[in-house]
Amino acid sequence: MALDVSVPDPPSLHGPQPRGEYQAIDDPEEEVEDDYRREEVERILADGAWHDAFEEWTTQTGLTAADFEVVVEHDLVEAFDFYWDPATDEVGYRAPALSDEARGELDAEDVDEIESELDALGRVVSEMLENDYLLRDDETFGFFDDDAPEETFDYDDREQSGDSP
């Protein structure tokens, strides 16, 4: 049975950006810009990707309306983080976990179900972004305009000049 709830606003992406906040990383000498493309991903989510992915997720989730009310009550949608992972060239995400307060209000089975379904929502959004909104083309290879190399190699140019592999 599909979950029948209104599509919430997409999350504001403000994940853990300063690299010095991670214990395993020394404070950078200079502030580096966010190479996780959160602003661009956030804009794409707001332009329809979030709505489409959320609606797709509601058709397959096992959450009840009461479970989803817990998600809304504890601002878990806003706690999602979606970002471009330059290391893997994919959209990554961090699904939120229920707070200790929320865990105290629910039984362990409900906690597991909600957190599992939040992870599934993150996966659906990530896949929707990659498959339907951030389309690669053969010439640029990357999802974003500035991912394209300075000179794009074209096999047709080589063939016309008589060069062979």
Protein backbone atom coordinates (compact mmCIF):
# COMPACT_ATOMS: atom_id res chain seq x y z
CA MET A 1 0.00 0.00 0.00
CA ALA A 2 1.36 3.43 -0.94
CA LEU A 3 2.00 6.09 1.65
CA ASP A 4 -0.49 8.92 1.11
CA VAL A 5 1.19 12.08 2.43
CA SER A 6 2.01 15.48 1.03
CA VAL A 7 5.45 15.92 -0.46
CA PRO A 8 7.52 17.89 2.06
CA ASP A 9 9.88 20.63 0.98
CA PRO A 10 13.29 19.36 -0.12
CA PRO A 11 16.06 19.54 2.45
CA SER A 12 18.45 22.47 2.61
CA LEU A 13 21.82 20.93 2.00
CA HIS A 14 24.29 22.06 4.58
CA GLY A 15 26.22 18.93 5.42
CA PRO A 16 29.45 18.73 7.36
CA GLN A 17 31.48 20.91 5.00
CA PRO A 18 34.56 22.20 6.83
CA ARG A 19 37.01 19.38 6.41
CA GLY A 20 38.65 20.20 9.74
CA GLU A 21 35.51 19.02 11.57
CA TYR A 22 36.32 15.42 10.72
CA GLN A 23 38.55 13.84 13.35
CA ALA A 24 40.75 12.08 10.80
CA ILE A 25 41.49 15.26 8.84
CA ASP A 26 43.80 18.02 10.02
CA ASP A 27 42.53 21.58 9.86
CA PRO A 28 43.26 22.89 6.39
CA GLU A 29 45.80 25.71 6.10
CA GLU A 30 43.34 27.62 3.95
CA GLU A 31 39.61 27.30 3.58
CA VAL A 32 38.81 25.10 0.58
CA GLU A 33 35.57 25.51 -1.27
CA ASP A 34 32.87 22.88 -1.01
CA ASP A 35 33.62 20.46 -3.82
CA TYR A 36 30.53 18.42 -2.96
CA ARG A 37 28.33 20.65 -5.16
CA ARG A 38 25.58 20.93 -2.53
CA GLU A 39 24.25 24.23 -3.89
CA GLU A 40 23.81 22.76 -7.35
CA VAL A 41 22.29 19.54 -6.03
CA GLU A 42 19.94 21.55 -3.79
CA ARG A 43 18.80 23.62 -6.77
CA ILE A 44 18.10 20.49 -8.82
CA LEU A 45 16.15 18.98 -5.92
CA ALA A 46 14.05 22.16 -5.68
CA ASP A 47 13.47 22.16 -9.45
CA GLY A 48 11.56 18.87 -9.30
CA ALA A 49 13.92 16.00 -8.51
CA TRP A 50 12.87 15.88 -4.86
CA HIS A 51 9.17 15.85 -5.70
CA ASP A 52 9.55 13.10 -8.30
CA ALA A 53 11.77 10.93 -6.12
CA PHE A 54 9.61 11.38 -3.03
CA GLU A 55 6.50 10.35 -4.94
CA GLU A 56 8.30 7.29 -6.31
CA TRP A 57 9.42 6.37 -2.78
CA THR A 58 5.87 6.66 -1.40
CA THR A 59 4.72 3.94 -3.80
CA GLN A 60 7.20 1.44 -2.37
CA THR A 61 7.70 2.39 1.28
CA GLY A 62 6.32 0.35 4.12
CA LEU A 63 5.94 3.36 6.42
CA THR A 64 2.53 4.18 7.78
CA ALA A 65 1.18 7.72 7.98
CA ALA A 66 1.84 7.60 11.74
CA ASP A 67 5.48 6.60 11.13
CA PHE A 68 5.88 9.41 8.62
CA GLU A 69 4.42 11.85 11.16
CA VAL A 70 7.35 10.91 13.43
CA VAL A 71 9.71 11.76 10.55
CA VAL A 72 8.05 15.15 10.11
CA GLU A 73 7.80 15.85 13.84
CA HIS A 74 11.54 15.32 14.31
CA ASP A 75 12.58 17.29 11.16
CA LEU A 76 14.25 14.26 9.63
CA VAL A 77 13.56 15.31 6.03
CA GLU A 78 15.48 18.53 6.62
CA ALA A 79 18.34 16.49 8.12
CA PHE A 80 19.07 14.66 4.84
CA ASP A 81 22.31 15.50 3.09
CA PHE A 82 22.79 14.96 -0.63
CA TYR A 83 26.10 15.81 -2.26
CA TRP A 84 28.27 15.16 -5.27
CA ASP A 85 31.07 12.76 -4.38
CA PRO A 86 34.01 13.70 -6.61
CA ALA A 87 35.89 10.52 -5.65
CA THR A 88 33.22 8.20 -7.03
CA ASP A 89 31.64 10.62 -9.55
CA GLU A 90 28.20 9.88 -8.07
CA VAL A 91 25.55 11.50 -5.92
CA GLY A 92 25.99 10.49 -2.31
CA TYR A 93 23.65 10.93 0.61
CA ARG A 94 23.46 10.72 4.35
CA ALA A 95 20.13 9.62 5.75
CA PRO A 96 19.29 11.00 9.19
CA ALA A 97 18.92 8.84 12.26
CA LEU A 98 16.25 9.23 14.89
CA SER A 99 17.27 11.19 17.95
CA ASP A 100 17.47 9.56 21.36
CA GLU A 101 14.26 11.39 22.27
CA ALA A 102 12.42 9.89 19.28
CA ARG A 103 13.86 6.45 20.00
CA GLY A 104 12.46 6.66 23.52
CA GLU A 105 8.96 7.22 22.15
CA LEU A 106 9.02 4.21 19.80
CA ASP A 107 9.64 0.51 20.04
CA ALA A 108 12.84 -0.90 18.49
CA GLU A 109 11.00 -2.37 15.50
CA ASP A 110 9.51 1.01 14.55
CA VAL A 111 12.91 2.70 14.94
CA ASP A 112 14.51 0.16 12.59
CA GLU A 113 11.68 0.48 10.07
CA ILE A 114 11.78 4.28 10.01
CA GLU A 115 15.57 4.45 9.69
CA SER A 116 15.58 1.77 7.01
CA GLU A 117 12.92 3.61 5.02
CA LEU A 118 14.77 6.92 5.38
CA ASP A 119 17.81 5.20 3.90
CA ALA A 120 15.63 3.89 1.07
CA LEU A 121 14.36 7.44 0.44
CA GLY A 122 17.94 8.68 0.23
CA ARG A 123 18.79 5.93 -2.27
CA VAL A 124 15.72 6.71 -4.42
CA VAL A 125 16.57 10.42 -4.47
CA SER A 126 20.21 9.73 -5.29
CA GLU A 127 19.29 7.36 -8.12
CA MET A 128 16.67 9.76 -9.48
CA LEU A 129 19.22 12.57 -9.53
CA GLU A 130 21.75 10.46 -11.39
CA ASN A 131 19.36 8.75 -13.80
CA ASP A 132 16.84 11.47 -14.61
CA TYR A 133 18.28 14.87 -13.70
CA LEU A 134 22.07 14.79 -13.93
CA LEU A 135 22.44 13.27 -17.35
CA ARG A 136 25.89 12.63 -18.70
CA ASP A 137 26.56 13.10 -22.35
CA ASP A 138 29.25 11.32 -24.29
CA GLU A 139 31.33 14.43 -24.88
CA THR A 140 31.57 15.93 -21.40
CA PHE A 141 31.65 12.73 -19.31
CA GLY A 142 30.67 14.50 -16.07
CA PHE A 143 27.32 15.69 -14.78
CA PHE A 144 28.26 19.34 -14.36
CA ASP A 145 29.46 21.71 -17.10
CA ASP A 146 32.84 22.32 -15.52
CA ASP A 147 33.51 18.56 -15.25
CA ALA A 148 34.25 18.53 -18.96
CA PRO A 149 37.90 18.39 -19.93
CA GLU A 150 39.35 21.45 -21.67
CA GLU A 151 39.63 19.58 -24.96
CA THR A 152 37.14 16.85 -25.68
CA PHE A 153 38.60 14.03 -27.75
CA ASP A 154 36.44 13.05 -30.69
CA TYR A 155 37.09 9.81 -32.56
CA ASP A 156 35.55 11.30 -35.72
CA ASP A 157 38.23 14.01 -35.81
CA ARG A 158 40.98 11.38 -35.70
CA GLU A 159 39.39 9.35 -38.49
CA GLN A 160 39.03 12.39 -40.74
CA SER A 161 42.69 13.32 -40.31
CA GLY A 162 43.80 9.85 -41.33
CA ASP A 163 45.26 8.94 -37.93
CA SER A 164 44.69 5.41 -36.78
CA PRO A 165 44.88 3.89 -33.31
